[in-house]
């Protein structure tokens, strides 16, 4: 999670919402990135999406069943869908997102009967640091 927090901080410096993600397999980092929606003019360029795409390309597979995702903020519905389609083994996230989250907030994507894959989910990892990065970023915008 420390690397994901670094990626989030770097995203904030770039003017992006400070969210970072790291995708790991067997203790090896396959991909690490932060949000790049503004930089790429791409609303789907969330940190989670970027690392899932990069890891899938590296491994040559759209399925990543032995991989774990660390992300600083509770994933949104789009990212939860990508996590399910990639069949990630575990999801670790930092701060809850009552407004946009879709794991334990909002639509609770993985709890829906139509969800075909549910990773093991661990929330609250690095929560205070992740929340601080977000609070500071948005305080500076007001």
N, C-alpha and C. Protein backbone atom coordinates (compact mmCIF):
# COMPACT_ATOMS: atom_id res chain seq x y z
N UNK A 1 0.83 -1.20 0.00
CA UNK A 1 0.00 0.00 0.00
C UNK A 1 0.87 1.26 0.00
N UNK A 2 2.07 1.15 0.55
CA UNK A 2 2.96 2.31 0.56
C UNK A 2 3.25 2.80 -0.86
N UNK A 3 3.46 1.89 -1.78
CA UNK A 3 3.71 2.27 -3.18
C UNK A 3 2.47 2.90 -3.80
N UNK A 4 1.30 2.39 -3.49
CA UNK A 4 0.05 2.97 -3.99
C UNK A 4 -0.12 4.39 -3.46
N UNK A 5 0.22 4.62 -2.20
CA UNK A 5 0.14 5.96 -1.62
C UNK A 5 1.12 6.91 -2.31
N UNK A 6 2.31 6.42 -2.65
CA UNK A 6 3.27 7.24 -3.41
C UNK A 6 2.70 7.62 -4.77
N UNK A 7 2.07 6.66 -5.44
CA UNK A 7 1.46 6.92 -6.74
C UNK A 7 0.33 7.94 -6.61
N UNK A 8 -0.43 7.85 -5.53
CA UNK A 8 -1.52 8.81 -5.30
C UNK A 8 -0.95 10.21 -5.11
N UNK A 9 0.10 10.33 -4.31
CA UNK A 9 0.71 11.64 -4.08
C UNK A 9 1.22 12.23 -5.40
N UNK A 10 1.85 11.40 -6.22
CA UNK A 10 2.34 11.87 -7.52
C UNK A 10 1.19 12.31 -8.42
N UNK A 11 0.07 11.60 -8.37
CA UNK A 11 -1.10 12.00 -9.15
C UNK A 11 -1.57 13.38 -8.71
N UNK A 12 -1.62 13.61 -7.40
CA UNK A 12 -2.03 14.90 -6.88
C UNK A 12 -1.13 16.03 -7.36
N UNK A 13 0.17 15.79 -7.39
CA UNK A 13 1.13 16.79 -7.88
C UNK A 13 0.84 17.12 -9.35
N UNK A 14 0.40 16.12 -10.11
CA UNK A 14 0.07 16.33 -11.53
C UNK A 14 -1.29 17.01 -11.72
N UNK A 15 -2.02 17.27 -10.61
CA UNK A 15 -3.33 17.90 -10.70
C UNK A 15 -4.46 16.91 -10.85
N UNK A 16 -4.15 15.63 -10.71
CA UNK A 16 -5.16 14.58 -10.77
C UNK A 16 -5.69 14.32 -9.36
N UNK A 17 -6.89 13.78 -9.25
CA UNK A 17 -7.38 13.34 -7.95
C UNK A 17 -6.38 12.30 -7.45
N UNK A 18 -5.86 12.46 -6.23
CA UNK A 18 -4.78 11.60 -5.74
C UNK A 18 -5.23 10.19 -5.36
N UNK A 19 -5.31 9.36 -6.36
CA UNK A 19 -5.61 7.95 -6.16
C UNK A 19 -4.48 7.17 -6.83
N UNK A 20 -3.95 6.19 -6.12
CA UNK A 20 -2.88 5.37 -6.66
C UNK A 20 -3.24 3.90 -6.55
N UNK A 21 -2.66 3.10 -7.44
CA UNK A 21 -2.93 1.66 -7.45
C UNK A 21 -1.67 0.90 -7.81
N UNK A 22 -1.58 -0.31 -7.29
CA UNK A 22 -0.47 -1.22 -7.57
C UNK A 22 -1.05 -2.61 -7.76
N UNK A 23 -0.61 -3.30 -8.79
CA UNK A 23 -1.05 -4.67 -9.04
C UNK A 23 0.14 -5.60 -8.86
N UNK A 24 -0.05 -6.63 -8.03
CA UNK A 24 1.04 -7.50 -7.59
C UNK A 24 0.70 -8.96 -7.87
N UNK A 25 1.72 -9.72 -8.26
CA UNK A 25 1.58 -11.18 -8.36
C UNK A 25 2.79 -11.82 -7.70
N UNK A 26 2.52 -12.70 -6.76
CA UNK A 26 3.59 -13.41 -6.04
C UNK A 26 4.64 -12.44 -5.47
N UNK A 27 4.19 -11.32 -4.93
CA UNK A 27 5.09 -10.36 -4.32
C UNK A 27 5.85 -9.48 -5.30
N UNK A 28 5.58 -9.63 -6.58
CA UNK A 28 6.26 -8.83 -7.61
C UNK A 28 5.28 -7.80 -8.16
N UNK A 29 5.71 -6.55 -8.19
CA UNK A 29 4.87 -5.48 -8.73
C UNK A 29 4.83 -5.59 -10.24
N UNK A 30 3.63 -5.78 -10.77
CA UNK A 30 3.45 -5.84 -12.23
C UNK A 30 3.17 -4.46 -12.81
N UNK A 31 2.49 -3.61 -12.03
CA UNK A 31 2.14 -2.28 -12.51
C UNK A 31 1.83 -1.38 -11.33
N UNK A 32 2.18 -0.11 -11.46
CA UNK A 32 1.88 0.90 -10.44
C UNK A 32 1.60 2.20 -11.17
N UNK A 33 0.54 2.88 -10.78
CA UNK A 33 0.19 4.15 -11.43
C UNK A 33 -0.79 4.91 -10.57
N UNK A 34 -1.02 6.15 -10.94
CA UNK A 34 -2.01 6.99 -10.31
C UNK A 34 -3.01 7.45 -11.35
N UNK A 35 -4.06 8.11 -10.88
CA UNK A 35 -5.06 8.62 -11.82
C UNK A 35 -4.42 9.47 -12.90
N UNK A 36 -4.95 9.35 -14.11
CA UNK A 36 -4.46 10.14 -15.25
C UNK A 36 -5.62 10.59 -16.15
N UNK A 37 -6.78 10.80 -15.57
CA UNK A 37 -7.95 11.16 -16.38
C UNK A 37 -7.78 12.49 -17.10
N UNK A 38 -7.24 13.47 -16.41
CA UNK A 38 -7.05 14.79 -17.03
C UNK A 38 -5.90 14.77 -18.02
N UNK A 39 -4.80 14.16 -17.61
CA UNK A 39 -3.62 14.10 -18.47
C UNK A 39 -3.92 13.42 -19.79
N UNK A 40 -4.69 12.33 -19.76
CA UNK A 40 -4.99 11.56 -20.95
C UNK A 40 -6.32 11.93 -21.60
N UNK A 41 -7.05 12.89 -20.98
CA UNK A 41 -8.40 13.25 -21.45
C UNK A 41 -9.23 11.99 -21.63
N UNK A 42 -9.20 11.16 -20.60
CA UNK A 42 -9.85 9.85 -20.65
C UNK A 42 -10.55 9.58 -19.31
N UNK A 43 -11.87 9.62 -19.29
CA UNK A 43 -12.58 9.40 -18.03
C UNK A 43 -12.39 8.01 -17.45
N UNK A 44 -11.88 7.08 -18.25
CA UNK A 44 -11.65 5.73 -17.73
C UNK A 44 -10.22 5.53 -17.22
N UNK A 45 -9.40 6.56 -17.23
CA UNK A 45 -8.00 6.43 -16.83
C UNK A 45 -7.83 6.52 -15.31
N UNK A 46 -8.66 5.77 -14.59
CA UNK A 46 -8.50 5.66 -13.14
C UNK A 46 -7.28 4.79 -12.87
N UNK A 47 -6.67 4.97 -11.72
CA UNK A 47 -5.45 4.23 -11.37
C UNK A 47 -5.67 2.72 -11.50
N UNK A 48 -6.82 2.24 -11.03
CA UNK A 48 -7.10 0.80 -11.10
C UNK A 48 -7.12 0.30 -12.54
N UNK A 49 -7.79 1.05 -13.39
CA UNK A 49 -7.90 0.65 -14.80
C UNK A 49 -6.53 0.62 -15.46
N UNK A 50 -5.71 1.62 -15.16
CA UNK A 50 -4.38 1.69 -15.77
C UNK A 50 -3.51 0.51 -15.37
N UNK A 51 -3.54 0.14 -14.08
CA UNK A 51 -2.67 -0.98 -13.67
C UNK A 51 -3.22 -2.32 -14.12
N UNK A 52 -4.53 -2.46 -14.20
CA UNK A 52 -5.10 -3.71 -14.73
C UNK A 52 -4.72 -3.86 -16.20
N UNK A 53 -4.85 -2.78 -16.97
CA UNK A 53 -4.47 -2.84 -18.39
C UNK A 53 -2.99 -3.17 -18.56
N UNK A 54 -2.14 -2.52 -17.78
CA UNK A 54 -0.70 -2.73 -17.90
C UNK A 54 -0.33 -4.16 -17.52
N UNK A 55 -0.89 -4.67 -16.43
CA UNK A 55 -0.56 -6.03 -16.00
C UNK A 55 -1.08 -7.06 -17.01
N UNK A 56 -2.27 -6.84 -17.53
CA UNK A 56 -2.82 -7.76 -18.53
C UNK A 56 -1.94 -7.79 -19.78
N UNK A 57 -1.45 -6.62 -20.19
CA UNK A 57 -0.56 -6.57 -21.35
C UNK A 57 0.77 -7.27 -21.05
N UNK A 58 1.30 -7.05 -19.86
CA UNK A 58 2.57 -7.69 -19.48
C UNK A 58 2.44 -9.20 -19.46
N UNK A 59 1.32 -9.69 -18.92
CA UNK A 59 1.13 -11.14 -18.80
C UNK A 59 0.50 -11.77 -20.04
N UNK A 60 0.01 -10.93 -20.96
CA UNK A 60 -0.60 -11.46 -22.17
C UNK A 60 -1.91 -12.17 -21.91
N UNK A 61 -2.66 -11.70 -20.94
CA UNK A 61 -3.92 -12.34 -20.58
C UNK A 61 -4.91 -11.31 -20.04
N UNK A 62 -6.18 -11.52 -20.36
CA UNK A 62 -7.21 -10.65 -19.80
C UNK A 62 -7.66 -11.10 -18.42
N UNK A 63 -7.19 -12.25 -17.99
CA UNK A 63 -7.54 -12.78 -16.68
C UNK A 63 -6.31 -12.80 -15.79
N UNK A 64 -6.49 -12.28 -14.59
CA UNK A 64 -5.37 -12.13 -13.65
C UNK A 64 -5.74 -12.77 -12.31
N UNK A 65 -6.07 -14.06 -12.30
CA UNK A 65 -6.62 -14.69 -11.09
C UNK A 65 -5.66 -14.85 -9.93
N UNK A 66 -4.38 -14.73 -10.19
CA UNK A 66 -3.40 -14.87 -9.10
C UNK A 66 -2.77 -13.52 -8.74
N UNK A 67 -3.50 -12.45 -9.04
CA UNK A 67 -2.99 -11.10 -8.80
C UNK A 67 -3.82 -10.38 -7.75
N UNK A 68 -3.16 -9.47 -7.05
CA UNK A 68 -3.79 -8.67 -6.00
C UNK A 68 -3.67 -7.20 -6.34
N UNK A 69 -4.73 -6.45 -6.08
CA UNK A 69 -4.76 -5.01 -6.35
C UNK A 69 -4.78 -4.24 -5.05
N UNK A 70 -3.88 -3.27 -4.95
CA UNK A 70 -3.84 -2.33 -3.83
C UNK A 70 -4.23 -0.97 -4.40
N UNK A 71 -5.22 -0.32 -3.83
CA UNK A 71 -5.66 0.99 -4.30
C UNK A 71 -5.99 1.86 -3.10
N UNK A 72 -5.70 3.14 -3.21
CA UNK A 72 -5.84 4.02 -2.05
C UNK A 72 -7.26 4.44 -1.75
N UNK A 73 -8.16 4.29 -2.70
CA UNK A 73 -9.56 4.69 -2.52
C UNK A 73 -10.48 3.56 -2.97
N UNK A 74 -11.56 3.38 -2.26
CA UNK A 74 -12.56 2.37 -2.63
C UNK A 74 -12.92 2.52 -4.10
N UNK A 75 -12.81 1.46 -4.89
CA UNK A 75 -13.10 1.54 -6.32
C UNK A 75 -14.54 1.93 -6.65
N UNK A 76 -14.68 2.62 -7.78
CA UNK A 76 -16.00 2.99 -8.30
C UNK A 76 -16.60 1.79 -9.04
N UNK A 77 -17.79 1.95 -9.55
CA UNK A 77 -18.47 0.87 -10.25
C UNK A 77 -17.68 0.41 -11.49
N UNK A 78 -17.15 1.35 -12.24
CA UNK A 78 -16.38 0.99 -13.44
C UNK A 78 -15.18 0.13 -13.06
N UNK A 79 -14.45 0.55 -12.05
CA UNK A 79 -13.25 -0.18 -11.64
C UNK A 79 -13.61 -1.51 -10.99
N UNK A 80 -14.70 -1.55 -10.23
CA UNK A 80 -15.15 -2.82 -9.65
C UNK A 80 -15.48 -3.81 -10.77
N UNK A 81 -16.11 -3.33 -11.83
CA UNK A 81 -16.40 -4.20 -12.97
C UNK A 81 -15.13 -4.74 -13.60
N UNK A 82 -14.14 -3.89 -13.77
CA UNK A 82 -12.87 -4.34 -14.36
C UNK A 82 -12.18 -5.35 -13.44
N UNK A 83 -12.27 -5.14 -12.13
CA UNK A 83 -11.69 -6.08 -11.17
C UNK A 83 -12.36 -7.45 -11.32
N UNK A 84 -13.68 -7.45 -11.44
CA UNK A 84 -14.41 -8.71 -11.61
C UNK A 84 -14.05 -9.38 -12.93
N UNK A 85 -14.04 -8.62 -14.02
CA UNK A 85 -13.73 -9.20 -15.33
C UNK A 85 -12.31 -9.72 -15.39
N UNK A 86 -11.38 -9.06 -14.70
CA UNK A 86 -10.00 -9.53 -14.67
C UNK A 86 -9.82 -10.70 -13.70
N UNK A 87 -10.84 -10.93 -12.90
CA UNK A 87 -10.83 -12.03 -11.93
C UNK A 87 -9.66 -11.93 -10.94
N UNK A 88 -9.44 -10.70 -10.47
CA UNK A 88 -8.38 -10.50 -9.49
C UNK A 88 -8.67 -11.30 -8.23
N UNK A 89 -7.62 -11.77 -7.60
CA UNK A 89 -7.76 -12.62 -6.42
C UNK A 89 -8.16 -11.80 -5.20
N UNK A 90 -7.46 -10.69 -4.96
CA UNK A 90 -7.71 -9.89 -3.77
C UNK A 90 -7.72 -8.41 -4.10
N UNK A 91 -8.56 -7.68 -3.37
CA UNK A 91 -8.62 -6.23 -3.46
C UNK A 91 -8.33 -5.66 -2.08
N UNK A 92 -7.31 -4.82 -2.00
CA UNK A 92 -7.00 -4.09 -0.77
C UNK A 92 -7.22 -2.62 -1.08
N UNK A 93 -8.00 -1.92 -0.27
CA UNK A 93 -8.16 -0.49 -0.51
C UNK A 93 -8.06 0.29 0.78
N UNK A 94 -7.71 1.58 0.62
CA UNK A 94 -7.50 2.46 1.76
C UNK A 94 -8.77 3.11 2.25
N UNK A 95 -9.03 4.31 1.78
CA UNK A 95 -10.17 5.10 2.25
C UNK A 95 -11.48 4.65 1.60
N UNK A 96 -12.53 4.65 2.39
CA UNK A 96 -13.88 4.40 1.86
C UNK A 96 -14.29 5.62 1.05
N UNK A 97 -15.18 5.41 0.09
CA UNK A 97 -15.70 6.51 -0.73
C UNK A 97 -17.22 6.45 -0.72
N UNK A 98 -17.86 7.03 0.31
CA UNK A 98 -19.31 6.96 0.41
C UNK A 98 -20.04 7.55 -0.79
N UNK A 99 -19.44 8.50 -1.49
CA UNK A 99 -20.09 9.15 -2.63
C UNK A 99 -19.92 8.37 -3.94
N UNK A 100 -18.71 7.88 -4.21
CA UNK A 100 -18.46 7.25 -5.50
C UNK A 100 -18.03 5.80 -5.44
N UNK A 101 -17.82 5.28 -4.25
CA UNK A 101 -17.37 3.91 -4.11
C UNK A 101 -18.46 2.91 -4.46
N UNK A 102 -18.04 1.71 -4.83
CA UNK A 102 -19.01 0.68 -5.23
C UNK A 102 -18.70 -0.68 -4.63
N UNK A 103 -17.83 -0.72 -3.62
CA UNK A 103 -17.48 -1.99 -3.00
C UNK A 103 -18.28 -2.18 -1.72
N UNK A 104 -18.07 -1.31 -0.76
CA UNK A 104 -18.84 -1.36 0.48
C UNK A 104 -19.77 -0.16 0.60
N UNK A 105 -19.72 0.72 -0.37
CA UNK A 105 -20.60 1.89 -0.45
C UNK A 105 -21.43 1.76 -1.72
N UNK A 106 -22.36 2.67 -1.89
CA UNK A 106 -23.11 2.74 -3.14
C UNK A 106 -23.74 1.44 -3.57
N UNK A 107 -23.46 1.02 -4.81
CA UNK A 107 -24.11 -0.15 -5.39
C UNK A 107 -23.63 -1.48 -4.83
N UNK A 108 -22.53 -1.49 -4.09
CA UNK A 108 -21.97 -2.72 -3.54
C UNK A 108 -21.89 -3.80 -4.63
N UNK A 109 -21.13 -3.46 -5.64
CA UNK A 109 -21.02 -4.25 -6.86
C UNK A 109 -20.81 -5.74 -6.62
N UNK A 110 -19.87 -6.08 -5.75
CA UNK A 110 -19.53 -7.49 -5.55
C UNK A 110 -20.59 -8.27 -4.78
N UNK A 111 -21.54 -7.57 -4.18
CA UNK A 111 -22.62 -8.23 -3.43
C UNK A 111 -23.83 -8.51 -4.33
N UNK A 112 -23.81 -8.03 -5.56
CA UNK A 112 -24.94 -8.21 -6.46
C UNK A 112 -24.99 -9.65 -6.98
N UNK A 113 -26.18 -10.20 -7.11
CA UNK A 113 -26.29 -11.58 -7.59
C UNK A 113 -25.78 -11.76 -9.02
N UNK A 114 -25.72 -10.70 -9.79
CA UNK A 114 -25.25 -10.79 -11.17
C UNK A 114 -23.73 -10.68 -11.28
N UNK A 115 -23.05 -10.42 -10.18
CA UNK A 115 -21.58 -10.33 -10.20
C UNK A 115 -21.01 -11.74 -10.34
N UNK A 116 -20.24 -11.96 -11.36
CA UNK A 116 -19.73 -13.31 -11.65
C UNK A 116 -18.43 -13.66 -10.94
N UNK A 117 -17.72 -12.66 -10.40
CA UNK A 117 -16.48 -12.94 -9.65
C UNK A 117 -16.34 -11.93 -8.53
N UNK A 118 -16.04 -12.44 -7.35
CA UNK A 118 -15.84 -11.59 -6.18
C UNK A 118 -14.45 -11.84 -5.62
N UNK A 119 -13.60 -10.82 -5.61
CA UNK A 119 -12.29 -11.00 -5.00
C UNK A 119 -12.43 -11.00 -3.48
N UNK A 120 -11.41 -11.47 -2.79
CA UNK A 120 -11.36 -11.25 -1.35
C UNK A 120 -11.12 -9.76 -1.17
N UNK A 121 -11.83 -9.13 -0.24
CA UNK A 121 -11.80 -7.68 -0.09
C UNK A 121 -11.32 -7.31 1.31
N UNK A 122 -10.35 -6.39 1.35
CA UNK A 122 -9.80 -5.90 2.60
C UNK A 122 -9.76 -4.37 2.54
N UNK A 123 -10.62 -3.72 3.28
CA UNK A 123 -10.68 -2.26 3.29
C UNK A 123 -9.96 -1.66 4.48
N UNK A 124 -9.65 -0.38 4.37
CA UNK A 124 -9.07 0.36 5.48
C UNK A 124 -7.56 0.32 5.58
N UNK A 125 -6.88 -0.27 4.62
CA UNK A 125 -5.42 -0.37 4.64
C UNK A 125 -4.83 0.98 4.23
N UNK A 126 -4.11 1.64 5.12
CA UNK A 126 -3.56 2.96 4.82
C UNK A 126 -4.64 4.03 4.72
N UNK A 127 -5.76 3.78 5.37
CA UNK A 127 -6.93 4.65 5.25
C UNK A 127 -6.66 6.11 5.63
N UNK A 128 -6.00 6.34 6.75
CA UNK A 128 -5.81 7.72 7.21
C UNK A 128 -4.92 8.51 6.25
N UNK A 129 -3.86 7.90 5.75
CA UNK A 129 -2.98 8.59 4.80
C UNK A 129 -3.70 8.85 3.48
N UNK A 130 -4.44 7.87 3.00
CA UNK A 130 -5.19 8.04 1.75
C UNK A 130 -6.24 9.15 1.89
N UNK A 131 -6.94 9.15 3.01
CA UNK A 131 -7.96 10.18 3.25
C UNK A 131 -7.32 11.56 3.36
N UNK A 132 -6.16 11.63 4.02
CA UNK A 132 -5.46 12.92 4.14
C UNK A 132 -5.06 13.47 2.78
N UNK A 133 -4.53 12.61 1.91
CA UNK A 133 -4.16 13.06 0.56
C UNK A 133 -5.37 13.65 -0.17
N UNK A 134 -6.50 12.98 -0.07
CA UNK A 134 -7.71 13.46 -0.74
C UNK A 134 -8.21 14.76 -0.12
N UNK A 135 -8.26 14.83 1.23
CA UNK A 135 -8.72 16.05 1.91
C UNK A 135 -7.86 17.23 1.54
N UNK A 136 -6.54 17.05 1.58
CA UNK A 136 -5.62 18.15 1.26
C UNK A 136 -5.78 18.58 -0.19
N UNK A 137 -5.93 17.64 -1.09
CA UNK A 137 -6.10 17.96 -2.51
C UNK A 137 -7.34 18.80 -2.73
N UNK A 138 -8.47 18.36 -2.19
CA UNK A 138 -9.72 19.09 -2.42
C UNK A 138 -9.79 20.39 -1.64
N UNK A 139 -9.14 20.47 -0.48
CA UNK A 139 -9.07 21.74 0.28
C UNK A 139 -8.33 22.78 -0.54
N UNK A 140 -7.30 22.37 -1.24
CA UNK A 140 -6.54 23.29 -2.08
C UNK A 140 -7.31 23.75 -3.31
N UNK A 141 -8.36 23.06 -3.66
CA UNK A 141 -9.17 23.40 -4.84
C UNK A 141 -10.29 24.39 -4.51
N UNK A 142 -10.59 24.51 -3.22
CA UNK A 142 -11.74 25.35 -2.81
C UNK A 142 -11.33 26.77 -2.59
